[in-house]
């Protein structure tokens, strides 16, 4: 991984690679504890979680 990270990051930044399709959840910091339980229990096909600490929590 460490051998490839610089070149992969450059390709992502230049638009050659779009990693967004591997992200299954985008959540707020407040949602992290519950999402961790969902991921741990292998529910909802969670594969990759991105936590945006500045996003506002959406009330259910």
C-alpha atoms as a PDB file:
ATOM      1  CA  UNK A   1       0.000   0.000   0.000  1.00  0.00           C
ATOM      2  CA  UNK A   2       2.676   2.498   1.000  1.00  0.00           C
ATOM      3  CA  UNK A   3       4.478   1.920  -2.297  1.00  0.00           C
ATOM      4  CA  UNK A   4       1.391   2.949  -4.283  1.00  0.00           C
ATOM      5  CA  UNK A   5      -0.344   5.616  -2.188  1.00  0.00           C
ATOM      6  CA  UNK A   6       1.420   8.629  -3.724  1.00  0.00           C
ATOM      7  CA  UNK A   7       0.746   7.589  -7.326  1.00  0.00           C
ATOM      8  CA  UNK A   8      -2.839   6.572  -6.523  1.00  0.00           C
ATOM      9  CA  UNK A   9      -3.545   9.870  -4.786  1.00  0.00           C
ATOM     10  CA  UNK A  10      -2.128  11.770  -7.774  1.00  0.00           C
ATOM     11  CA  UNK A  11      -4.392   9.808 -10.130  1.00  0.00           C
ATOM     12  CA  UNK A  12      -7.437  10.490  -7.932  1.00  0.00           C
ATOM     13  CA  UNK A  13      -6.620  14.194  -7.753  1.00  0.00           C
ATOM     14  CA  UNK A  14      -6.168  14.394 -11.538  1.00  0.00           C
ATOM     15  CA  UNK A  15      -9.503  12.641 -12.156  1.00  0.00           C
ATOM     16  CA  UNK A  16      -8.036   9.481 -13.690  1.00  0.00           C
ATOM     17  CA  UNK A  17      -9.514   7.374 -10.896  1.00  0.00           C
ATOM     18  CA  UNK A  18     -12.915   7.895  -9.238  1.00  0.00           C
ATOM     19  CA  UNK A  19     -13.013   6.051  -5.902  1.00  0.00           C
ATOM     20  CA  UNK A  20     -16.516   7.256  -4.996  1.00  0.00           C
ATOM     21  CA  UNK A  21     -18.202   4.007  -6.089  1.00  0.00           C
ATOM     22  CA  UNK A  22     -16.543   2.079  -3.253  1.00  0.00           C
ATOM     23  CA  UNK A  23     -18.046   4.383  -0.596  1.00  0.00           C
ATOM     24  CA  UNK A  24     -21.272   2.862   0.675  1.00  0.00           C
ATOM     25  CA  UNK A  25     -22.077   5.374   3.458  1.00  0.00           C
ATOM     26  CA  UNK A  26     -21.419   9.074   4.043  1.00  0.00           C
ATOM     27  CA  UNK A  27     -22.268   9.992   7.596  1.00  0.00           C
ATOM     28  CA  UNK A  28     -21.894  12.691  10.229  1.00  0.00           C
ATOM     29  CA  UNK A  29     -19.763  12.323  13.315  1.00  0.00           C
ATOM     30  CA  UNK A  30     -22.918  11.889  15.390  1.00  0.00           C
ATOM     31  CA  UNK A  31     -23.967   8.905  13.261  1.00  0.00           C
ATOM     32  CA  UNK A  32     -20.631   7.109  13.667  1.00  0.00           C
ATOM     33  CA  UNK A  33     -21.404   4.984  16.761  1.00  0.00           C
ATOM     34  CA  UNK A  34     -24.596   3.544  15.244  1.00  0.00           C
ATOM     35  CA  UNK A  35     -22.987   3.042  11.826  1.00  0.00           C
ATOM     36  CA  UNK A  36     -20.096   1.183  13.449  1.00  0.00           C
ATOM     37  CA  UNK A  37     -22.611  -1.264  14.954  1.00  0.00           C
ATOM     38  CA  UNK A  38     -24.263  -1.736  11.540  1.00  0.00           C
ATOM     39  CA  UNK A  39     -20.842  -2.352   9.935  1.00  0.00           C
ATOM     40  CA  UNK A  40     -19.720  -4.667  12.743  1.00  0.00           C
ATOM     41  CA  UNK A  41     -22.900  -6.741  12.448  1.00  0.00           C
ATOM     42  CA  UNK A  42     -22.570  -6.857   8.625  1.00  0.00           C
ATOM     43  CA  UNK A  43     -25.939  -5.216   7.982  1.00  0.00           C
ATOM     44  CA  UNK A  44     -26.949  -2.983   5.055  1.00  0.00           C
ATOM     45  CA  UNK A  45     -23.980  -4.072   2.881  1.00  0.00           C
ATOM     46  CA  UNK A  46     -21.724  -1.417   4.399  1.00  0.00           C
ATOM     47  CA  UNK A  47     -18.303  -1.567   2.743  1.00  0.00           C
ATOM     48  CA  UNK A  48     -16.637   1.832   3.131  1.00  0.00           C
ATOM     49  CA  UNK A  49     -17.729   4.631   5.442  1.00  0.00           C
ATOM     50  CA  UNK A  50     -16.734   8.272   5.088  1.00  0.00           C
ATOM     51  CA  UNK A  51     -17.284  10.424   8.161  1.00  0.00           C
ATOM     52  CA  UNK A  52     -17.699  14.149   7.542  1.00  0.00           C
ATOM     53  CA  UNK A  53     -17.235  15.789  10.946  1.00  0.00           C
ATOM     54  CA  UNK A  54     -18.496  19.132   9.593  1.00  0.00           C
ATOM     55  CA  UNK A  55     -21.723  17.796   8.056  1.00  0.00           C
ATOM     56  CA  UNK A  56     -24.930  18.507   9.891  1.00  0.00           C
ATOM     57  CA  UNK A  57     -26.863  15.579  11.333  1.00  0.00           C
ATOM     58  CA  UNK A  58     -30.176  14.932   9.575  1.00  0.00           C
ATOM     59  CA  UNK A  59     -33.040  14.236  11.970  1.00  0.00           C
ATOM     60  CA  UNK A  60     -34.814  10.960  11.203  1.00  0.00           C
END
